[in-house]
Amino acid sequence: LEFTADSLVAISKEALKRKTGARALRSIVEEIMLDVMFDLPELESKGRYLVTEDVVKGVKPLFENKQPDKKSA
């Protein structure tokens, strides 16, 4: 699971709107992680997933952003 720089900015902006400090950060990341916890085990193709600004804002689902696995030598 990887977070883009834009997704981190979107998470922090949303946390500022909620005005609850670290609890807001935790809540936002937990909302994103719900997809991972419940949907990922059932997917046949596992790999790396990219959390983008659109995922944070709820515009796109997390699992549309699968990145190919990079194999190391």
C-alpha atoms as a PDB file:
ATOM      1  CA  LEU A   1       0.000   0.000   0.000  1.00  0.00           C
ATOM      2  CA  GLU A   2       1.511   3.305  -1.070  1.00  0.00           C
ATOM      3  CA  PHE A   3       0.301   6.858  -0.494  1.00  0.00           C
ATOM      4  CA  THR A   4       0.961   9.586  -3.055  1.00  0.00           C
ATOM      5  CA  ALA A   5       2.063  13.019  -1.891  1.00  0.00           C
ATOM      6  CA  ASP A   6      -1.314  14.409  -3.029  1.00  0.00           C
ATOM      7  CA  SER A   7      -3.164  11.831  -0.944  1.00  0.00           C
ATOM      8  CA  LEU A   8      -1.236  12.831   2.172  1.00  0.00           C
ATOM      9  CA  VAL A   9      -2.086  16.484   1.554  1.00  0.00           C
ATOM     10  CA  ALA A  10      -5.770  15.557   1.100  1.00  0.00           C
ATOM     11  CA  ILE A  11      -5.724  13.546   4.344  1.00  0.00           C
ATOM     12  CA  SER A  12      -4.170  16.432   6.262  1.00  0.00           C
ATOM     13  CA  LYS A  13      -6.644  18.968   4.827  1.00  0.00           C
ATOM     14  CA  GLU A  14      -9.572  16.748   5.781  1.00  0.00           C
ATOM     15  CA  ALA A  15      -8.128  16.319   9.278  1.00  0.00           C
ATOM     16  CA  LEU A  16      -7.886  20.108   9.657  1.00  0.00           C
ATOM     17  CA  LYS A  17     -11.556  20.428   8.659  1.00  0.00           C
ATOM     18  CA  ARG A  18     -12.555  17.935  11.362  1.00  0.00           C
ATOM     19  CA  LYS A  19     -10.565  19.873  14.001  1.00  0.00           C
ATOM     20  CA  THR A  20      -9.829  16.808  16.104  1.00  0.00           C
ATOM     21  CA  GLY A  21      -6.069  16.544  15.615  1.00  0.00           C
ATOM     22  CA  ALA A  22      -4.484  13.118  15.455  1.00  0.00           C
ATOM     23  CA  ARG A  23      -7.871  11.454  15.910  1.00  0.00           C
ATOM     24  CA  ALA A  24      -8.976  12.877  12.581  1.00  0.00           C
ATOM     25  CA  LEU A  25      -5.855  11.541  10.876  1.00  0.00           C
ATOM     26  CA  ARG A  26      -6.457   8.119  12.368  1.00  0.00           C
ATOM     27  CA  SER A  27     -10.121   8.138  11.381  1.00  0.00           C
ATOM     28  CA  ILE A  28      -9.420   9.103   7.772  1.00  0.00           C
ATOM     29  CA  VAL A  29      -6.723   6.468   7.324  1.00  0.00           C
ATOM     30  CA  GLU A  30      -8.970   3.847   8.968  1.00  0.00           C
ATOM     31  CA  GLU A  31     -11.710   4.662   6.449  1.00  0.00           C
ATOM     32  CA  ILE A  32      -9.265   3.995   3.621  1.00  0.00           C
ATOM     33  CA  MET A  33      -8.002   0.830   5.297  1.00  0.00           C
ATOM     34  CA  LEU A  34     -11.499  -0.665   5.569  1.00  0.00           C
ATOM     35  CA  ASP A  35     -11.312  -1.534   1.869  1.00  0.00           C
ATOM     36  CA  VAL A  36      -7.946  -3.162   2.424  1.00  0.00           C
ATOM     37  CA  MET A  37      -9.048  -5.174   5.452  1.00  0.00           C
ATOM     38  CA  PHE A  38     -12.281  -6.500   3.977  1.00  0.00           C
ATOM     39  CA  ASP A  39     -11.799  -6.599   0.205  1.00  0.00           C
ATOM     40  CA  LEU A  40      -8.121  -7.403  -0.329  1.00  0.00           C
ATOM     41  CA  PRO A  41      -8.171 -10.944   1.113  1.00  0.00           C
ATOM     42  CA  GLU A  42     -10.846 -11.900  -1.431  1.00  0.00           C
ATOM     43  CA  LEU A  43      -9.026 -10.504  -4.484  1.00  0.00           C
ATOM     44  CA  GLU A  44      -7.214 -13.024  -6.632  1.00  0.00           C
ATOM     45  CA  SER A  45      -4.516 -10.654  -7.856  1.00  0.00           C
ATOM     46  CA  LYS A  46      -2.628  -9.125  -4.998  1.00  0.00           C
ATOM     47  CA  GLY A  47       0.097  -6.571  -5.387  1.00  0.00           C
ATOM     48  CA  ARG A  48       0.853  -2.958  -4.643  1.00  0.00           C
ATOM     49  CA  TYR A  49      -1.980  -0.471  -4.346  1.00  0.00           C
ATOM     50  CA  LEU A  50      -1.729   3.286  -4.690  1.00  0.00           C
ATOM     51  CA  VAL A  51      -3.760   5.589  -2.442  1.00  0.00           C
ATOM     52  CA  THR A  52      -4.371   8.770  -4.424  1.00  0.00           C
ATOM     53  CA  GLU A  53      -6.143  12.017  -3.653  1.00  0.00           C
ATOM     54  CA  ASP A  54      -9.261  10.672  -5.421  1.00  0.00           C
ATOM     55  CA  VAL A  55      -9.263   7.609  -3.152  1.00  0.00           C
ATOM     56  CA  VAL A  56      -9.048   9.834  -0.057  1.00  0.00           C
ATOM     57  CA  LYS A  57     -11.904  12.021  -1.326  1.00  0.00           C
ATOM     58  CA  GLY A  58     -14.013   8.968  -2.185  1.00  0.00           C
ATOM     59  CA  VAL A  59     -14.085   9.723  -5.907  1.00  0.00           C
ATOM     60  CA  LYS A  60     -12.443   6.416  -6.883  1.00  0.00           C
ATOM     61  CA  PRO A  61     -12.180   3.072  -5.103  1.00  0.00           C
ATOM     62  CA  LEU A  62      -8.773   1.952  -3.888  1.00  0.00           C
ATOM     63  CA  PHE A  63      -8.644  -1.218  -5.926  1.00  0.00           C
ATOM     64  CA  GLU A  64      -8.813   0.571  -9.283  1.00  0.00           C
ATOM     65  CA  ASN A  65      -5.306   1.881  -8.520  1.00  0.00           C
ATOM     66  CA  LYS A  66      -3.369  -1.382  -8.520  1.00  0.00           C
ATOM     67  CA  GLN A  67       0.260  -0.944  -9.486  1.00  0.00           C
ATOM     68  CA  PRO A  68       2.239  -3.788 -11.039  1.00  0.00           C
ATOM     69  CA  ASP A  69       4.581  -5.605  -8.698  1.00  0.00           C
ATOM     70  CA  LYS A  70       8.208  -4.618  -9.126  1.00  0.00           C
ATOM     71  CA  LYS A  71      10.455  -7.612  -8.997  1.00  0.00           C
ATOM     72  CA  SER A  72      13.911  -7.112  -7.563  1.00  0.00           C
ATOM     73  CA  ALA A  73      16.895  -8.986  -8.890  1.00  0.00           C
END
